[in-house]
């Protein structure tokens, strides 16, 4: 059954497959408690959040990053 689903997915256009991945990710993100983090991952997220709070203007926005990637 899984191979049939995969073969059907592979028949989709690239844009449709990207949308499918986004939809799947959204369904996972809707239940964050179902995705356990290791202690190391929690510490890294805390470190990144602290770095952001100390220098919120240091990085670039998601929109800027997407724009840069689309120009590549």
C-alpha atoms as a PDB file:
ATOM      1  CA  UNK A   1       0.000   0.000   0.000  1.00  0.00           C
ATOM      2  CA  UNK A   2       2.806   2.441   0.868  1.00  0.00           C
ATOM      3  CA  UNK A   3       4.554   1.931  -2.486  1.00  0.00           C
ATOM      4  CA  UNK A   4       1.323   2.778  -4.286  1.00  0.00           C
ATOM      5  CA  UNK A   5       1.037   6.001  -2.303  1.00  0.00           C
ATOM      6  CA  UNK A   6       4.644   6.909  -3.031  1.00  0.00           C
ATOM      7  CA  UNK A   7       4.252   6.211  -6.732  1.00  0.00           C
ATOM      8  CA  UNK A   8       1.153   8.436  -6.752  1.00  0.00           C
ATOM      9  CA  UNK A   9       3.065  11.181  -4.948  1.00  0.00           C
ATOM     10  CA  UNK A  10       5.918  10.962  -7.454  1.00  0.00           C
ATOM     11  CA  UNK A  11       3.430  11.585 -10.256  1.00  0.00           C
ATOM     12  CA  UNK A  12       2.601  14.994  -8.787  1.00  0.00           C
ATOM     13  CA  UNK A  13       4.311  18.094 -10.098  1.00  0.00           C
ATOM     14  CA  UNK A  14       7.175  19.536  -8.076  1.00  0.00           C
ATOM     15  CA  UNK A  15       4.932  22.375  -6.893  1.00  0.00           C
ATOM     16  CA  UNK A  16       2.271  19.892  -5.772  1.00  0.00           C
ATOM     17  CA  UNK A  17       4.859  17.801  -3.906  1.00  0.00           C
ATOM     18  CA  UNK A  18       6.210  20.896  -2.168  1.00  0.00           C
ATOM     19  CA  UNK A  19       2.683  21.825  -1.140  1.00  0.00           C
ATOM     20  CA  UNK A  20       2.143  18.284   0.154  1.00  0.00           C
ATOM     21  CA  UNK A  21       5.304  18.509   2.260  1.00  0.00           C
ATOM     22  CA  UNK A  22       4.164  21.867   3.635  1.00  0.00           C
ATOM     23  CA  UNK A  23       0.762  20.399   4.481  1.00  0.00           C
ATOM     24  CA  UNK A  24       2.375  17.422   6.217  1.00  0.00           C
ATOM     25  CA  UNK A  25       4.703  19.719   8.167  1.00  0.00           C
ATOM     26  CA  UNK A  26       1.754  21.895   9.241  1.00  0.00           C
ATOM     27  CA  UNK A  27      -0.037  18.785  10.508  1.00  0.00           C
ATOM     28  CA  UNK A  28       3.048  17.826  12.569  1.00  0.00           C
ATOM     29  CA  UNK A  29       3.541  21.370  13.870  1.00  0.00           C
ATOM     30  CA  UNK A  30      -0.080  21.488  15.002  1.00  0.00           C
ATOM     31  CA  UNK A  31       0.801  19.013  17.772  1.00  0.00           C
ATOM     32  CA  UNK A  32       4.224  20.100  19.068  1.00  0.00           C
ATOM     33  CA  UNK A  33       3.913  18.042  22.235  1.00  0.00           C
ATOM     34  CA  UNK A  34       3.907  14.901  20.095  1.00  0.00           C
ATOM     35  CA  UNK A  35       7.441  15.689  18.888  1.00  0.00           C
ATOM     36  CA  UNK A  36       9.722  15.168  21.877  1.00  0.00           C
ATOM     37  CA  UNK A  37      12.978  17.110  22.077  1.00  0.00           C
ATOM     38  CA  UNK A  38      16.191  15.844  23.583  1.00  0.00           C
ATOM     39  CA  UNK A  39      17.765  17.812  26.400  1.00  0.00           C
ATOM     40  CA  UNK A  40      20.500  18.951  23.984  1.00  0.00           C
ATOM     41  CA  UNK A  41      17.873  20.236  21.530  1.00  0.00           C
ATOM     42  CA  UNK A  42      16.082  22.130  24.307  1.00  0.00           C
ATOM     43  CA  UNK A  43      19.352  23.739  25.400  1.00  0.00           C
ATOM     44  CA  UNK A  44      20.160  24.741  21.813  1.00  0.00           C
ATOM     45  CA  UNK A  45      16.730  26.292  21.351  1.00  0.00           C
ATOM     46  CA  UNK A  46      17.137  28.191  24.631  1.00  0.00           C
ATOM     47  CA  UNK A  47      20.593  29.392  23.506  1.00  0.00           C
ATOM     48  CA  UNK A  48      19.220  30.605  20.171  1.00  0.00           C
ATOM     49  CA  UNK A  49      16.282  32.347  21.819  1.00  0.00           C
ATOM     50  CA  UNK A  50      18.617  34.109  24.238  1.00  0.00           C
ATOM     51  CA  UNK A  51      20.905  35.175  21.351  1.00  0.00           C
ATOM     52  CA  UNK A  52      17.884  36.529  19.472  1.00  0.00           C
ATOM     53  CA  UNK A  53      16.649  38.461  22.500  1.00  0.00           C
ATOM     54  CA  UNK A  54      20.082  40.005  22.980  1.00  0.00           C
ATOM     55  CA  UNK A  55      20.420  40.995  19.292  1.00  0.00           C
ATOM     56  CA  UNK A  56      17.005  40.900  17.581  1.00  0.00           C
ATOM     57  CA  UNK A  57      18.277  42.847  14.554  1.00  0.00           C
ATOM     58  CA  UNK A  58      21.283  40.616  13.891  1.00  0.00           C
ATOM     59  CA  UNK A  59      19.617  38.084  11.602  1.00  0.00           C
ATOM     60  CA  UNK A  60      17.337  38.388   8.611  1.00  0.00           C
ATOM     61  CA  UNK A  61      13.634  37.708   8.330  1.00  0.00           C
ATOM     62  CA  UNK A  62      12.188  34.568   6.782  1.00  0.00           C
ATOM     63  CA  UNK A  63      10.867  36.716   3.936  1.00  0.00           C
ATOM     64  CA  UNK A  64      14.375  38.089   3.249  1.00  0.00           C
ATOM     65  CA  UNK A  65      15.857  34.608   3.277  1.00  0.00           C
ATOM     66  CA  UNK A  66      13.222  33.289   0.855  1.00  0.00           C
ATOM     67  CA  UNK A  67      13.867  36.230  -1.447  1.00  0.00           C
ATOM     68  CA  UNK A  68      17.610  35.575  -1.387  1.00  0.00           C
ATOM     69  CA  UNK A  69      17.092  31.872  -2.078  1.00  0.00           C
ATOM     70  CA  UNK A  70      14.763  32.527  -4.976  1.00  0.00           C
ATOM     71  CA  UNK A  71      17.416  34.740  -6.603  1.00  0.00           C
ATOM     72  CA  UNK A  72      20.011  31.956  -6.456  1.00  0.00           C
END
